[in-house]
Amino acid sequence: MMILFNRHTAMRAAGERPRPDRADADKLVFRTYRGYRMNTVNDLLATKGSEEVFSVSGDTSVLEAARKMNQHKIGALVIIHNGRVKGIFTERDVLRRVVAEQLDPGATKVDQVMTTEIACCRTDTPIEEAKSVMKSKRIRHLPVVGDDMQLHGMISIGDLNAHQVNNQEIAIHYLNEYLYGRT
């Protein structure tokens, strides 16, 4: 839940009705319930909670990886080698590189069919930049890494969409409150 702090909130508390003033719209300050506005991927990860990022090693079979994805109802696994991100294995990889090529999923290793040219972002990446990368590269999952390429988390296009919808709902609520004086 976001709380709007401005002079109109104080006026309503005193029983006065604020006059809509276009110049005031530029001065609105939004804060989240924890005292910060979500601007970076790290903030998005914090609101997601401590979700586990599922990973496998490159020598895992495609069959095992697909079963793990089904078990956890996820669309991608990060491939880790020596503690660092080596690649990503997605549902798209299964379809294009295993099923379409008629490979045996039990005998094929993930590192043979995974995507190795992956886009990653850092924890301080602005959310809008992450969204732009995902749109331009037509990807649905973006691993979040630190300076040492250690995995910190993963964001999906669904996370970004949920964040945008939440922000729009909050903005609509406060704009209605601003215009109609409801609290």
N, C-alpha and C. Protein backbone atom coordinates (compact mmCIF):
# COMPACT_ATOMS: atom_id res chain seq x y z
N MET A 1 0.83 -1.17 0.00
CA MET A 1 0.00 0.00 0.00
C MET A 1 0.88 1.24 0.00
N MET A 2 0.55 2.20 -0.81
CA MET A 2 1.33 3.42 -0.86
C MET A 2 0.59 4.53 -0.13
N ILE A 3 1.36 5.41 0.47
CA ILE A 3 0.78 6.54 1.19
C ILE A 3 1.25 7.80 0.50
N LEU A 4 0.33 8.69 0.26
CA LEU A 4 0.64 9.95 -0.40
C LEU A 4 0.87 11.00 0.66
N PHE A 5 2.04 11.64 0.62
CA PHE A 5 2.36 12.70 1.55
C PHE A 5 2.43 14.00 0.79
N ASN A 6 1.54 14.91 1.07
CA ASN A 6 1.60 16.25 0.49
C ASN A 6 0.71 17.18 1.31
N ARG A 7 0.61 18.42 0.93
CA ARG A 7 -0.15 19.39 1.72
C ARG A 7 -1.64 19.07 1.69
N HIS A 8 -2.15 18.40 0.64
CA HIS A 8 -3.56 18.09 0.55
C HIS A 8 -3.97 17.08 1.62
N THR A 9 -3.10 16.13 1.94
CA THR A 9 -3.39 15.17 3.00
C THR A 9 -3.57 15.91 4.32
N ALA A 10 -2.71 16.88 4.60
CA ALA A 10 -2.82 17.67 5.82
C ALA A 10 -4.09 18.51 5.81
N MET A 11 -4.47 19.07 4.66
CA MET A 11 -5.68 19.88 4.57
C MET A 11 -6.91 19.03 4.84
N ARG A 12 -6.95 17.82 4.31
CA ARG A 12 -8.10 16.94 4.54
C ARG A 12 -8.21 16.57 6.02
N ALA A 13 -7.07 16.34 6.64
CA ALA A 13 -7.07 15.99 8.05
C ALA A 13 -7.62 17.13 8.89
N ALA A 14 -7.41 18.37 8.44
CA ALA A 14 -7.92 19.54 9.16
C ALA A 14 -9.36 19.87 8.77
N GLY A 15 -9.95 19.07 7.87
CA GLY A 15 -11.34 19.30 7.47
C GLY A 15 -11.49 20.25 6.30
N GLU A 16 -10.41 20.68 5.70
CA GLU A 16 -10.47 21.57 4.55
C GLU A 16 -10.47 20.76 3.26
N ARG A 17 -11.15 21.28 2.25
CA ARG A 17 -11.15 20.60 0.95
C ARG A 17 -10.08 21.24 0.07
N PRO A 18 -9.10 20.47 -0.35
CA PRO A 18 -8.05 21.04 -1.19
C PRO A 18 -8.59 21.41 -2.56
N ARG A 19 -8.08 22.49 -3.06
CA ARG A 19 -8.47 22.95 -4.39
C ARG A 19 -7.55 22.30 -5.41
N PRO A 20 -8.11 21.64 -6.42
CA PRO A 20 -7.26 21.04 -7.44
C PRO A 20 -6.41 22.11 -8.12
N ASP A 21 -5.13 21.93 -8.10
CA ASP A 21 -4.20 22.88 -8.68
C ASP A 21 -3.22 22.08 -9.52
N ARG A 22 -3.18 22.36 -10.79
CA ARG A 22 -2.34 21.59 -11.71
C ARG A 22 -0.86 21.64 -11.32
N ALA A 23 -0.43 22.75 -10.78
CA ALA A 23 0.98 22.87 -10.39
C ALA A 23 1.32 21.91 -9.26
N ASP A 24 0.33 21.59 -8.40
CA ASP A 24 0.58 20.67 -7.30
C ASP A 24 0.84 19.25 -7.77
N ALA A 25 0.33 18.88 -8.92
CA ALA A 25 0.49 17.51 -9.41
C ALA A 25 1.96 17.16 -9.58
N ASP A 26 2.79 18.14 -9.91
CA ASP A 26 4.22 17.89 -10.08
C ASP A 26 4.93 17.74 -8.75
N LYS A 27 4.29 18.14 -7.66
CA LYS A 27 4.94 18.12 -6.35
C LYS A 27 4.55 16.91 -5.51
N LEU A 28 3.74 16.00 -6.06
CA LEU A 28 3.30 14.85 -5.29
C LEU A 28 4.48 13.95 -4.97
N VAL A 29 4.52 13.46 -3.77
CA VAL A 29 5.60 12.57 -3.34
C VAL A 29 4.96 11.25 -2.93
N PHE A 30 5.35 10.18 -3.58
CA PHE A 30 4.83 8.87 -3.25
C PHE A 30 5.89 8.10 -2.47
N ARG A 31 5.43 7.38 -1.46
CA ARG A 31 6.31 6.49 -0.71
C ARG A 31 5.58 5.17 -0.53
N THR A 32 6.32 4.10 -0.50
CA THR A 32 5.68 2.81 -0.24
C THR A 32 5.53 2.64 1.26
N TYR A 33 4.91 1.57 1.65
CA TYR A 33 4.67 1.34 3.06
C TYR A 33 5.97 1.13 3.83
N ARG A 34 7.06 0.81 3.17
CA ARG A 34 8.33 0.62 3.87
C ARG A 34 9.22 1.86 3.77
N GLY A 35 8.72 2.92 3.19
CA GLY A 35 9.47 4.16 3.16
C GLY A 35 10.31 4.38 1.93
N TYR A 36 10.15 3.59 0.89
CA TYR A 36 10.91 3.83 -0.33
C TYR A 36 10.04 3.52 -1.53
N ARG A 37 10.41 4.09 -2.63
CA ARG A 37 9.69 3.84 -3.87
C ARG A 37 10.45 2.79 -4.66
N MET A 38 9.73 1.86 -5.25
CA MET A 38 10.39 0.80 -6.01
C MET A 38 10.92 1.36 -7.32
N ASN A 39 12.21 1.44 -7.44
CA ASN A 39 12.83 1.93 -8.66
C ASN A 39 13.80 0.93 -9.26
N THR A 40 14.34 0.06 -8.45
CA THR A 40 15.37 -0.85 -8.95
C THR A 40 14.93 -2.30 -8.86
N VAL A 41 15.68 -3.14 -9.55
CA VAL A 41 15.41 -4.58 -9.52
C VAL A 41 15.53 -5.11 -8.09
N ASN A 42 16.45 -4.58 -7.31
CA ASN A 42 16.61 -5.01 -5.92
C ASN A 42 15.33 -4.75 -5.13
N ASP A 43 14.68 -3.62 -5.37
CA ASP A 43 13.42 -3.31 -4.70
C ASP A 43 12.34 -4.30 -5.10
N LEU A 44 12.33 -4.66 -6.38
CA LEU A 44 11.35 -5.63 -6.87
C LEU A 44 11.58 -7.00 -6.23
N LEU A 45 12.84 -7.40 -6.13
CA LEU A 45 13.17 -8.68 -5.48
C LEU A 45 12.74 -8.67 -4.01
N ALA A 46 12.90 -7.53 -3.35
CA ALA A 46 12.52 -7.42 -1.93
C ALA A 46 11.02 -7.61 -1.75
N THR A 47 10.22 -7.09 -2.67
CA THR A 47 8.76 -7.24 -2.53
C THR A 47 8.30 -8.63 -2.91
N LYS A 48 9.07 -9.33 -3.75
CA LYS A 48 8.73 -10.71 -4.10
C LYS A 48 8.90 -11.63 -2.91
N GLY A 49 9.76 -11.24 -1.99
CA GLY A 49 10.04 -12.09 -0.85
C GLY A 49 11.24 -12.97 -1.14
N SER A 50 11.47 -13.91 -0.28
CA SER A 50 12.64 -14.76 -0.42
C SER A 50 12.30 -16.01 -1.24
N GLU A 51 11.88 -15.78 -2.47
CA GLU A 51 11.59 -16.90 -3.35
C GLU A 51 12.90 -17.57 -3.77
N GLU A 52 12.89 -18.87 -3.79
CA GLU A 52 14.07 -19.62 -4.20
C GLU A 52 14.21 -19.55 -5.71
N VAL A 53 15.42 -19.34 -6.18
CA VAL A 53 15.70 -19.40 -7.60
C VAL A 53 16.18 -20.81 -7.89
N PHE A 54 15.45 -21.51 -8.72
CA PHE A 54 15.78 -22.90 -9.00
C PHE A 54 16.86 -22.98 -10.06
N SER A 55 17.80 -23.86 -9.81
CA SER A 55 18.92 -24.02 -10.73
C SER A 55 19.31 -25.48 -10.82
N VAL A 56 20.04 -25.80 -11.86
CA VAL A 56 20.60 -27.13 -12.06
C VAL A 56 21.99 -26.97 -12.63
N SER A 57 22.74 -28.05 -12.62
CA SER A 57 24.06 -28.02 -13.25
C SER A 57 23.89 -28.40 -14.72
N GLY A 58 24.90 -28.13 -15.51
CA GLY A 58 24.83 -28.40 -16.94
C GLY A 58 24.76 -29.87 -17.29
N ASP A 59 25.20 -30.75 -16.40
CA ASP A 59 25.17 -32.18 -16.72
C ASP A 59 23.86 -32.86 -16.34
N THR A 60 22.88 -32.07 -15.92
CA THR A 60 21.54 -32.59 -15.63
C THR A 60 20.85 -32.93 -16.95
N SER A 61 20.08 -34.01 -16.98
CA SER A 61 19.37 -34.36 -18.21
C SER A 61 18.20 -33.40 -18.42
N VAL A 62 17.83 -33.25 -19.67
CA VAL A 62 16.69 -32.40 -20.02
C VAL A 62 15.43 -32.93 -19.35
N LEU A 63 15.29 -34.25 -19.27
CA LEU A 63 14.13 -34.86 -18.63
C LEU A 63 14.04 -34.45 -17.16
N GLU A 64 15.16 -34.54 -16.44
CA GLU A 64 15.18 -34.14 -15.03
C GLU A 64 14.87 -32.66 -14.87
N ALA A 65 15.43 -31.85 -15.74
CA ALA A 65 15.20 -30.40 -15.68
C ALA A 65 13.73 -30.08 -15.95
N ALA A 66 13.15 -30.73 -16.94
CA ALA A 66 11.73 -30.50 -17.25
C ALA A 66 10.84 -30.94 -16.10
N ARG A 67 11.18 -32.02 -15.47
CA ARG A 67 10.40 -32.48 -14.31
C ARG A 67 10.50 -31.48 -13.15
N LYS A 68 11.68 -30.95 -12.95
CA LYS A 68 11.87 -29.95 -11.89
C LYS A 68 11.05 -28.69 -12.20
N MET A 69 11.05 -28.27 -13.46
CA MET A 69 10.26 -27.10 -13.85
C MET A 69 8.77 -27.37 -13.63
N ASN A 70 8.30 -28.55 -13.98
CA ASN A 70 6.89 -28.90 -13.76
C ASN A 70 6.56 -28.98 -12.28
N GLN A 71 7.44 -29.58 -11.50
CA GLN A 71 7.22 -29.74 -10.07
C GLN A 71 7.05 -28.39 -9.37
N HIS A 72 7.86 -27.42 -9.76
CA HIS A 72 7.84 -26.10 -9.11
C HIS A 72 7.00 -25.07 -9.86
N LYS A 73 6.41 -25.51 -10.98
CA LYS A 73 5.55 -24.63 -11.80
C LYS A 73 6.29 -23.36 -12.20
N ILE A 74 7.46 -23.56 -12.80
CA ILE A 74 8.29 -22.45 -13.26
C ILE A 74 8.61 -22.64 -14.74
N GLY A 75 9.03 -21.58 -15.39
CA GLY A 75 9.30 -21.63 -16.81
C GLY A 75 10.77 -21.60 -17.18
N ALA A 76 11.65 -21.50 -16.18
CA ALA A 76 13.08 -21.42 -16.49
C ALA A 76 13.91 -21.89 -15.29
N LEU A 77 15.06 -22.45 -15.63
CA LEU A 77 16.05 -22.83 -14.63
C LEU A 77 17.36 -22.15 -14.97
N VAL A 78 18.05 -21.67 -13.96
CA VAL A 78 19.37 -21.08 -14.17
C VAL A 78 20.39 -22.20 -14.09
N ILE A 79 21.35 -22.19 -15.01
CA ILE A 79 22.41 -23.18 -15.01
C ILE A 79 23.62 -22.56 -14.30
N ILE A 80 24.05 -23.22 -13.24
CA ILE A 80 25.15 -22.72 -12.42
C ILE A 80 26.36 -23.61 -12.61
N HIS A 81 27.52 -22.98 -12.78
CA HIS A 81 28.79 -23.71 -12.86
C HIS A 81 29.80 -22.96 -12.00
N ASN A 82 30.37 -23.66 -11.01
CA ASN A 82 31.32 -23.05 -10.07
C ASN A 82 30.74 -21.81 -9.40
N GLY A 83 29.47 -21.85 -9.06
CA GLY A 83 28.84 -20.75 -8.35
C GLY A 83 28.44 -19.56 -9.21
N ARG A 84 28.66 -19.65 -10.51
CA ARG A 84 28.35 -18.53 -11.40
C ARG A 84 27.32 -18.94 -12.44
N VAL A 85 26.62 -17.95 -12.95
CA VAL A 85 25.61 -18.21 -13.97
C VAL A 85 26.29 -18.59 -15.28
N LYS A 86 25.95 -19.76 -15.79
CA LYS A 86 26.53 -20.25 -17.04
C LYS A 86 25.53 -20.15 -18.19
N GLY A 87 24.24 -20.26 -17.87
CA GLY A 87 23.22 -20.21 -18.90
C GLY A 87 21.84 -20.28 -18.27
N ILE A 88 20.84 -20.39 -19.14
CA ILE A 88 19.46 -20.51 -18.68
C ILE A 88 18.77 -21.54 -19.56
N PHE A 89 17.94 -22.34 -18.94
CA PHE A 89 17.19 -23.39 -19.64
C PHE A 89 15.71 -23.08 -19.47
N THR A 90 15.02 -22.83 -20.58
CA THR A 90 13.63 -22.39 -20.53
C THR A 90 12.72 -23.37 -21.28
N GLU A 91 11.43 -23.16 -21.14
CA GLU A 91 10.46 -23.95 -21.89
C GLU A 91 10.69 -23.80 -23.39
N ARG A 92 11.10 -22.63 -23.79
CA ARG A 92 11.38 -22.38 -25.20
C ARG A 92 12.54 -23.25 -25.70
N ASP A 93 13.55 -23.45 -24.86
CA ASP A 93 14.68 -24.33 -25.21
C ASP A 93 14.21 -25.77 -25.39
N VAL A 94 13.30 -26.20 -24.53
CA VAL A 94 12.76 -27.56 -24.65
C VAL A 94 12.07 -27.73 -26.01
N LEU A 95 11.23 -26.78 -26.36
CA LEU A 95 10.49 -26.88 -27.62
C LEU A 95 11.38 -26.78 -28.85
N ARG A 96 12.24 -25.78 -28.87
CA ARG A 96 13.05 -25.54 -30.08
C ARG A 96 14.22 -26.49 -30.24
N ARG A 97 14.88 -26.82 -29.13
CA ARG A 97 16.14 -27.54 -29.25
C ARG A 97 16.04 -29.03 -28.89
N VAL A 98 14.95 -29.43 -28.28
CA VAL A 98 14.80 -30.84 -27.92
C VAL A 98 13.66 -31.46 -28.71
N VAL A 99 12.46 -30.97 -28.52
CA VAL A 99 11.29 -31.55 -29.19
C VAL A 99 11.39 -31.38 -30.71
N ALA A 100 11.64 -30.18 -31.19
CA ALA A 100 11.69 -29.93 -32.63
C ALA A 100 12.84 -30.68 -33.31
N GLU A 101 13.93 -30.91 -32.57
CA GLU A 101 15.07 -31.64 -33.11
C GLU A 101 14.98 -33.14 -32.86
N GLN A 102 13.91 -33.58 -32.22
CA GLN A 102 13.64 -34.98 -31.89
C GLN A 102 14.79 -35.62 -31.11
N LEU A 103 15.29 -34.89 -30.11
CA LEU A 103 16.33 -35.43 -29.23
C LEU A 103 15.68 -36.18 -28.08
N ASP A 104 16.40 -37.15 -27.55
CA ASP A 104 15.93 -37.93 -26.41
C ASP A 104 16.16 -37.10 -25.15
N PRO A 105 15.09 -36.66 -24.45
CA PRO A 105 15.28 -35.82 -23.27
C PRO A 105 16.01 -36.53 -22.13
N GLY A 106 15.94 -37.85 -22.07
CA GLY A 106 16.65 -38.58 -21.03
C GLY A 106 18.15 -38.65 -21.27
N ALA A 107 18.56 -38.62 -22.53
CA ALA A 107 19.98 -38.73 -22.87
C ALA A 107 20.64 -37.38 -23.15
N THR A 108 19.85 -36.35 -23.38
CA THR A 108 20.39 -35.02 -23.70
C THR A 108 20.65 -34.24 -22.42
N LYS A 109 21.84 -33.67 -22.32
CA LYS A 109 22.20 -32.87 -21.16
C LYS A 109 21.78 -31.41 -21.38
N VAL A 110 21.45 -30.75 -20.29
CA VAL A 110 20.97 -29.37 -20.35
C VAL A 110 21.99 -28.45 -21.01
N ASP A 111 23.28 -28.65 -20.73
CA ASP A 111 24.28 -27.74 -21.31
C ASP A 111 24.42 -27.89 -22.83
N GLN A 112 23.84 -28.92 -23.41
CA GLN A 112 23.84 -29.06 -24.86
C GLN A 112 22.76 -28.21 -25.52
N VAL A 113 21.71 -27.89 -24.79
CA VAL A 113 20.56 -27.21 -25.39
C VAL A 113 20.17 -25.91 -24.68
N MET A 114 20.88 -25.54 -23.64
CA MET A 114 20.53 -24.32 -22.90
C MET A 114 20.91 -23.08 -23.70
N THR A 115 20.36 -21.97 -23.30
CA THR A 115 20.72 -20.68 -23.89
C THR A 115 21.94 -20.16 -23.15
N THR A 116 23.02 -19.95 -23.88
CA THR A 116 24.26 -19.49 -23.23
C THR A 116 24.44 -17.99 -23.34
N GLU A 117 23.87 -17.39 -24.34
CA GLU A 117 23.95 -15.92 -24.47
C GLU A 117 22.75 -15.33 -23.76
N ILE A 118 22.91 -15.15 -22.46
CA ILE A 118 21.77 -14.69 -21.66
C ILE A 118 21.97 -13.24 -21.25
N ALA A 119 20.86 -12.57 -21.13
CA ALA A 119 20.87 -11.22 -20.60
C ALA A 119 20.70 -11.33 -19.09
N CYS A 120 21.52 -10.63 -18.36
CA CYS A 120 21.41 -10.57 -16.90
C CYS A 120 21.32 -9.10 -16.51
N CYS A 121 20.84 -8.86 -15.33
CA CYS A 121 20.86 -7.49 -14.83
C CYS A 121 21.44 -7.50 -13.42
N ARG A 122 21.80 -6.35 -12.96
CA ARG A 122 22.34 -6.22 -11.61
C ARG A 122 21.24 -5.74 -10.67
N THR A 123 21.50 -5.82 -9.40
CA THR A 123 20.48 -5.44 -8.43
C THR A 123 20.14 -3.95 -8.50
N ASP A 124 21.08 -3.12 -8.95
CA ASP A 124 20.82 -1.69 -9.02
C ASP A 124 20.27 -1.24 -10.38
N THR A 125 19.91 -2.19 -11.24
CA THR A 125 19.33 -1.86 -12.55
C THR A 125 17.94 -1.27 -12.35
N PRO A 126 17.64 -0.13 -12.98
CA PRO A 126 16.29 0.43 -12.90
C PRO A 126 15.27 -0.54 -13.51
N ILE A 127 14.10 -0.58 -12.92
CA ILE A 127 13.05 -1.49 -13.39
C ILE A 127 12.70 -1.21 -14.84
N GLU A 128 12.65 0.05 -15.23
CA GLU A 128 12.30 0.40 -16.61
C GLU A 128 13.34 -0.14 -17.59
N GLU A 129 14.61 -0.14 -17.18
CA GLU A 129 15.66 -0.68 -18.04
C GLU A 129 15.53 -2.19 -18.18
N ALA A 130 15.23 -2.87 -17.09
CA ALA A 130 15.02 -4.33 -17.14
C ALA A 130 13.84 -4.65 -18.05
N LYS A 131 12.77 -3.88 -17.94
CA LYS A 131 11.59 -4.08 -18.77
C LYS A 131 11.94 -3.86 -20.25
N SER A 132 12.73 -2.86 -20.54
CA SER A 132 13.13 -2.56 -21.91
C SER A 132 13.99 -3.68 -22.50
N VAL A 133 14.91 -4.22 -21.71
CA VAL A 133 15.76 -5.32 -22.16
C VAL A 133 14.91 -6.55 -22.47
N MET A 134 13.98 -6.85 -21.59
CA MET A 134 13.14 -8.04 -21.79
C MET A 134 12.27 -7.88 -23.04
N LYS A 135 11.80 -6.67 -23.27
CA LYS A 135 10.96 -6.42 -24.44
C LYS A 135 11.78 -6.51 -25.73
N SER A 136 12.93 -5.86 -25.75
CA SER A 136 13.73 -5.83 -26.98
C SER A 136 14.34 -7.19 -27.31
N LYS A 137 14.69 -7.97 -26.31
CA LYS A 137 15.29 -9.29 -26.55
C LYS A 137 14.24 -10.41 -26.60
N ARG A 138 12.99 -10.05 -26.34
CA ARG A 138 11.87 -11.00 -26.36
C ARG A 138 12.13 -12.19 -25.43
N ILE A 139 12.46 -11.85 -24.18
CA ILE A 139 12.71 -12.87 -23.16
C ILE A 139 11.74 -12.67 -22.00
N ARG A 140 11.50 -13.73 -21.25
CA ARG A 140 10.55 -13.67 -20.15
C ARG A 140 11.20 -13.78 -18.78
N HIS A 141 12.47 -14.14 -18.73
CA HIS A 141 13.18 -14.31 -17.45
C HIS A 141 14.52 -13.60 -17.52
N LEU A 142 14.85 -12.93 -16.41
CA LEU A 142 16.09 -12.17 -16.35
C LEU A 142 16.79 -12.47 -15.03
N PRO A 143 17.90 -13.23 -15.07
CA PRO A 143 18.65 -13.48 -13.84
C PRO A 143 19.25 -12.17 -13.30
N VAL A 144 19.28 -12.06 -11.99
CA VAL A 144 19.84 -10.89 -11.33
C VAL A 144 21.14 -11.33 -10.67
N VAL A 145 22.24 -10.69 -11.05
CA VAL A 145 23.57 -11.08 -10.56
C VAL A 145 24.27 -9.90 -9.92
N GLY A 146 25.27 -10.23 -9.12
CA GLY A 146 26.11 -9.21 -8.51
C GLY A 146 27.34 -8.96 -9.37
N ASP A 147 28.25 -8.16 -8.88
CA ASP A 147 29.47 -7.83 -9.61
C ASP A 147 30.31 -9.06 -9.91
N ASP A 148 30.21 -10.08 -9.06
CA ASP A 148 30.99 -11.29 -9.23
C ASP A 148 30.25 -12.37 -10.02
N MET A 149 29.13 -12.00 -10.64
CA MET A 149 28.28 -12.90 -11.43
C MET A 149 27.63 -13.98 -10.57
N GLN A 150 27.59 -13.79 -9.26
CA GLN A 150 26.86 -14.68 -8.37
C GLN A 150 25.37 -14.37 -8.51
N LEU A 151 24.55 -15.38 -8.52
CA LEU A 151 23.12 -15.23 -8.69
C LEU A 151 22.47 -14.68 -7.42
N HIS A 152 21.71 -13.58 -7.57
CA HIS A 152 20.99 -12.97 -6.44
C HIS A 152 19.50 -13.24 -6.51
N GLY A 153 19.00 -13.53 -7.70
CA GLY A 153 17.57 -13.77 -7.87
C GLY A 153 17.22 -13.82 -9.34
N MET A 154 15.92 -13.85 -9.60
CA MET A 154 15.45 -13.86 -10.98
C MET A 154 14.13 -13.11 -11.02
N ILE A 155 13.97 -12.28 -12.05
CA ILE A 155 12.70 -11.60 -12.25
C ILE A 155 12.10 -12.09 -13.56
N SER A 156 10.80 -12.08 -13.60
CA SER A 156 10.10 -12.51 -14.81
C SER A 156 9.27 -11.35 -15.34
N ILE A 157 8.80 -11.50 -16.55
CA ILE A 157 7.94 -10.48 -17.14
C ILE A 157 6.66 -10.37 -16.31
N GLY A 158 6.24 -11.47 -15.71
CA GLY A 158 5.07 -11.44 -14.83
C GLY A 158 5.30 -10.56 -13.61
N ASP A 159 6.51 -10.60 -13.05
CA ASP A 159 6.85 -9.74 -11.91
C ASP A 159 6.77 -8.27 -12.31
N LEU A 160 7.31 -7.96 -13.48
CA LEU A 160 7.29 -6.58 -13.96
C LEU A 160 5.87 -6.12 -14.26
N ASN A 161 5.05 -6.99 -14.84
CA ASN A 161 3.66 -6.63 -15.12
C ASN A 161 2.89 -6.40 -13.82
N ALA A 162 3.10 -7.26 -12.83
CA ALA A 162 2.43 -7.10 -11.54
C ALA A 162 2.84 -5.79 -10.88
N HIS A 163 4.11 -5.45 -10.98
CA HIS A 163 4.61 -4.19 -10.42
C HIS A 163 3.94 -3.00 -11.10
N GLN A 164 3.85 -3.04 -12.41
CA GLN A 164 3.24 -1.94 -13.16
C GLN A 164 1.75 -1.81 -12.83
N VAL A 165 1.04 -2.92 -12.78
CA VAL A 165 -0.39 -2.89 -12.45
C VAL A 165 -0.59 -2.32 -11.05
N ASN A 166 0.22 -2.76 -10.10
CA ASN A 166 0.12 -2.26 -8.73
C ASN A 166 0.34 -0.74 -8.68
N ASN A 167 1.36 -0.26 -9.36
CA ASN A 167 1.63 1.18 -9.37
C ASN A 167 0.50 1.95 -10.03
N GLN A 168 -0.08 1.41 -11.10
CA GLN A 168 -1.18 2.10 -11.77
C GLN A 168 -2.42 2.14 -10.88
N GLU A 169 -2.72 1.05 -10.19
CA GLU A 169 -3.87 1.04 -9.28
C GLU A 169 -3.70 2.07 -8.18
N ILE A 170 -2.50 2.16 -7.64
CA ILE A 170 -2.23 3.13 -6.58
C ILE A 170 -2.36 4.55 -7.12
N ALA A 171 -1.80 4.80 -8.29
CA ALA A 171 -1.88 6.14 -8.88
C ALA A 171 -3.34 6.52 -9.14
N ILE A 172 -4.14 5.60 -9.65
CA ILE A 172 -5.56 5.87 -9.89
C ILE A 172 -6.27 6.18 -8.59
N HIS A 173 -5.98 5.41 -7.56
CA HIS A 173 -6.60 5.65 -6.25
C HIS A 173 -6.30 7.07 -5.76
N TYR A 174 -5.04 7.45 -5.80
CA TYR A 174 -4.67 8.76 -5.28
C TYR A 174 -5.12 9.91 -6.19
N LEU A 175 -5.19 9.67 -7.47
CA LEU A 175 -5.73 10.70 -8.36
C LEU A 175 -7.22 10.91 -8.08
N ASN A 176 -7.95 9.83 -7.87
CA ASN A 176 -9.36 9.95 -7.49
C ASN A 176 -9.51 10.69 -6.17
N GLU A 177 -8.65 10.36 -5.21
CA GLU A 177 -8.69 11.04 -3.92
C GLU A 177 -8.38 12.52 -4.09
N TYR A 178 -7.42 12.84 -4.91
CA TYR A 178 -7.04 14.22 -5.16
C TYR A 178 -8.17 15.00 -5.82
N LEU A 179 -8.80 14.39 -6.81
CA LEU A 179 -9.85 15.08 -7.56
C LEU A 179 -11.17 15.18 -6.80
N TYR A 180 -11.54 14.12 -6.10
CA TYR A 180 -12.86 14.08 -5.49
C TYR A 180 -12.86 14.22 -3.97
N GLY A 181 -11.68 14.29 -3.38
CA GLY A 181 -11.59 14.53 -1.95
C GLY A 181 -11.99 13.38 -1.07
N ARG A 182 -11.99 12.19 -1.57
CA ARG A 182 -12.34 11.02 -0.76
C ARG A 182 -11.10 10.50 -0.07
N THR A 183 -11.29 10.00 1.13
CA THR A 183 -10.16 9.41 1.85
C THR A 183 -10.38 7.97 2.15
